[in-house]
Amino acid sequence: MITAVDHVQLAAPPGTEGALRAFYAGVLGLTEIPKPPALAARGGCWFGTGAVQLHLGIETTGFRPARKAHPGLRVTGIEAYAARLEARGTPVTWDDELPGHRRFYCADPVGNRLEFLEPDGRERP
């Protein structure tokens, strides 16, 4: 029986760890999680907050960003969060098609799609 999602992994091209750290820690405010030494040798980086973990793994050949598949990250204060991203140079695209939620999308530095959402108090149909 599945009891929880442990983490979500996204791919990134070699040599992008600095940009990923600047975005996921600096812009999104996540904490970097040290990787076990055997896994750290592969490159990439892990981030988390509370029970949420995002792993960025290095795709050594044929990297293509996830443009449809994406993690959906629940936030509080979504308007302020969107403003934070835009103030730091990350454009956001609002979407009002999910009843009961405010949400927007953005891309990380390597082009992976991220969704941010917050319940708005209205019920889903």
Protein backbone atom coordinates (compact mmCIF):
# COMPACT_ATOMS: atom_id res chain seq x y z
CA MET A 1 0.00 0.00 0.00
CA ILE A 2 1.33 3.45 -0.93
CA THR A 3 1.30 5.79 2.05
CA ALA A 4 2.97 8.97 0.76
CA VAL A 5 5.07 10.49 -1.97
CA ASP A 6 8.65 10.49 -0.73
CA HIS A 7 10.04 12.92 -3.33
CA VAL A 8 9.72 14.14 -6.88
CA GLN A 9 12.73 14.07 -9.17
CA LEU A 10 13.30 16.41 -12.07
CA ALA A 11 16.19 16.23 -14.52
CA ALA A 12 18.81 18.85 -15.31
CA PRO A 13 21.77 19.02 -17.68
CA PRO A 14 25.36 18.64 -16.42
CA GLY A 15 26.95 21.69 -14.84
CA THR A 16 23.72 23.43 -13.78
CA GLU A 17 23.88 22.79 -10.03
CA GLY A 18 24.83 26.41 -9.27
CA ALA A 19 21.81 27.77 -11.12
CA LEU A 20 19.58 25.14 -9.50
CA ARG A 21 20.82 26.06 -6.01
CA ALA A 22 20.30 29.76 -6.70
CA PHE A 23 16.72 29.09 -7.83
CA TYR A 24 15.48 26.34 -5.51
CA ALA A 25 17.16 27.67 -2.36
CA GLY A 26 17.56 31.36 -3.15
CA VAL A 27 14.31 32.09 -5.01
CA LEU A 28 11.92 29.36 -3.83
CA GLY A 29 13.30 29.31 -0.28
CA LEU A 30 13.86 25.55 -0.03
CA THR A 31 16.69 24.08 2.04
CA GLU A 32 19.35 22.02 0.31
CA ILE A 33 19.48 18.45 1.61
CA PRO A 34 22.94 16.85 1.61
CA LYS A 35 23.06 13.84 -0.71
CA PRO A 36 24.66 10.59 0.46
CA PRO A 37 28.27 10.48 -0.81
CA ALA A 38 27.66 7.69 -3.35
CA LEU A 39 24.78 9.68 -4.87
CA ALA A 40 26.55 13.06 -4.62
CA ALA A 41 29.20 11.72 -6.99
CA ARG A 42 26.51 11.64 -9.71
CA GLY A 43 25.92 15.39 -9.44
CA GLY A 44 22.58 17.10 -9.00
CA CYS A 45 21.10 18.40 -5.76
CA TRP A 46 18.19 17.77 -3.40
CA PHE A 47 15.95 20.34 -1.73
CA GLY A 48 13.15 20.23 0.79
CA THR A 49 10.83 21.93 3.22
CA GLY A 50 8.70 20.06 5.74
CA ALA A 51 7.63 16.76 4.15
CA VAL A 52 8.24 18.05 0.59
CA GLN A 53 11.40 17.01 -1.26
CA LEU A 54 12.49 17.85 -4.80
CA HIS A 55 15.48 16.04 -6.25
CA LEU A 56 17.29 17.40 -9.30
CA GLY A 57 19.19 14.63 -11.04
CA ILE A 58 21.72 15.12 -13.79
CA GLU A 59 20.70 13.78 -17.19
CA THR A 60 24.03 13.19 -18.89
CA THR A 61 22.69 12.64 -22.41
CA GLY A 62 19.74 14.08 -24.26
CA PHE A 63 18.36 16.31 -21.50
CA ARG A 64 14.90 17.69 -22.23
CA PRO A 65 13.05 19.74 -19.61
CA ALA A 66 9.69 18.54 -18.33
CA ARG A 67 7.26 20.95 -20.01
CA LYS A 68 3.99 19.11 -19.26
CA ALA A 69 4.84 16.78 -16.37
CA HIS A 70 5.45 18.79 -13.19
CA PRO A 71 5.30 18.80 -9.40
CA GLY A 72 2.34 20.66 -7.92
CA LEU A 73 3.59 22.61 -4.90
CA ARG A 74 1.05 23.83 -2.34
CA VAL A 75 1.88 27.28 -0.96
CA THR A 76 0.40 29.84 1.39
CA GLY A 77 0.16 33.48 0.35
CA ILE A 78 0.21 32.65 -3.34
CA GLU A 79 0.03 36.28 -4.53
CA ALA A 80 3.10 37.21 -2.48
CA TYR A 81 4.87 34.04 -3.60
CA ALA A 82 4.26 34.87 -7.27
CA ALA A 83 5.49 38.42 -6.67
CA ARG A 84 8.64 37.01 -5.03
CA LEU A 85 9.41 34.90 -8.10
CA GLU A 86 8.76 37.74 -10.53
CA ALA A 87 10.88 40.17 -8.49
CA ARG A 88 13.74 37.69 -8.81
CA GLY A 89 13.36 37.39 -12.58
CA THR A 90 11.13 34.30 -12.88
CA PRO A 91 7.97 34.99 -14.90
CA VAL A 92 4.77 33.29 -13.75
CA THR A 93 1.69 32.32 -15.73
CA TRP A 94 -1.61 32.35 -13.83
CA ASP A 95 -4.24 29.71 -14.56
CA ASP A 96 -7.79 29.84 -13.21
CA GLU A 97 -9.04 26.51 -14.58
CA LEU A 98 -8.75 24.46 -11.35
CA PRO A 99 -11.91 25.09 -9.27
CA GLY A 100 -11.24 25.78 -5.61
CA HIS A 101 -7.66 26.94 -6.15
CA ARG A 102 -5.51 29.85 -7.21
CA ARG A 103 -2.53 28.62 -9.18
CA PHE A 104 0.31 29.61 -11.45
CA TYR A 105 3.12 27.98 -13.36
CA CYS A 106 6.75 28.91 -13.87
CA ALA A 107 9.90 27.27 -15.22
CA ASP A 108 13.07 26.53 -13.29
CA PRO A 109 16.44 27.65 -14.72
CA VAL A 110 16.67 24.58 -16.99
CA GLY A 111 13.10 24.80 -18.26
CA ASN A 112 11.26 22.30 -16.02
CA ARG A 113 7.62 23.24 -15.39
CA LEU A 114 6.55 23.90 -11.79
CA GLU A 115 2.99 24.45 -10.54
CA PHE A 116 2.17 26.42 -7.39
CA LEU A 117 -1.32 26.29 -5.92
CA GLU A 118 -3.31 27.41 -2.92
CA PRO A 119 -6.89 26.46 -2.03
CA ASP A 120 -9.14 29.51 -2.27
CA GLY A 121 -11.92 28.27 0.02
CA ARG A 122 -14.38 27.43 -2.74
CA GLU A 123 -15.30 23.82 -3.22
CA ARG A 124 -14.35 21.83 -6.26
CA PRO A 125 -17.35 20.65 -8.28
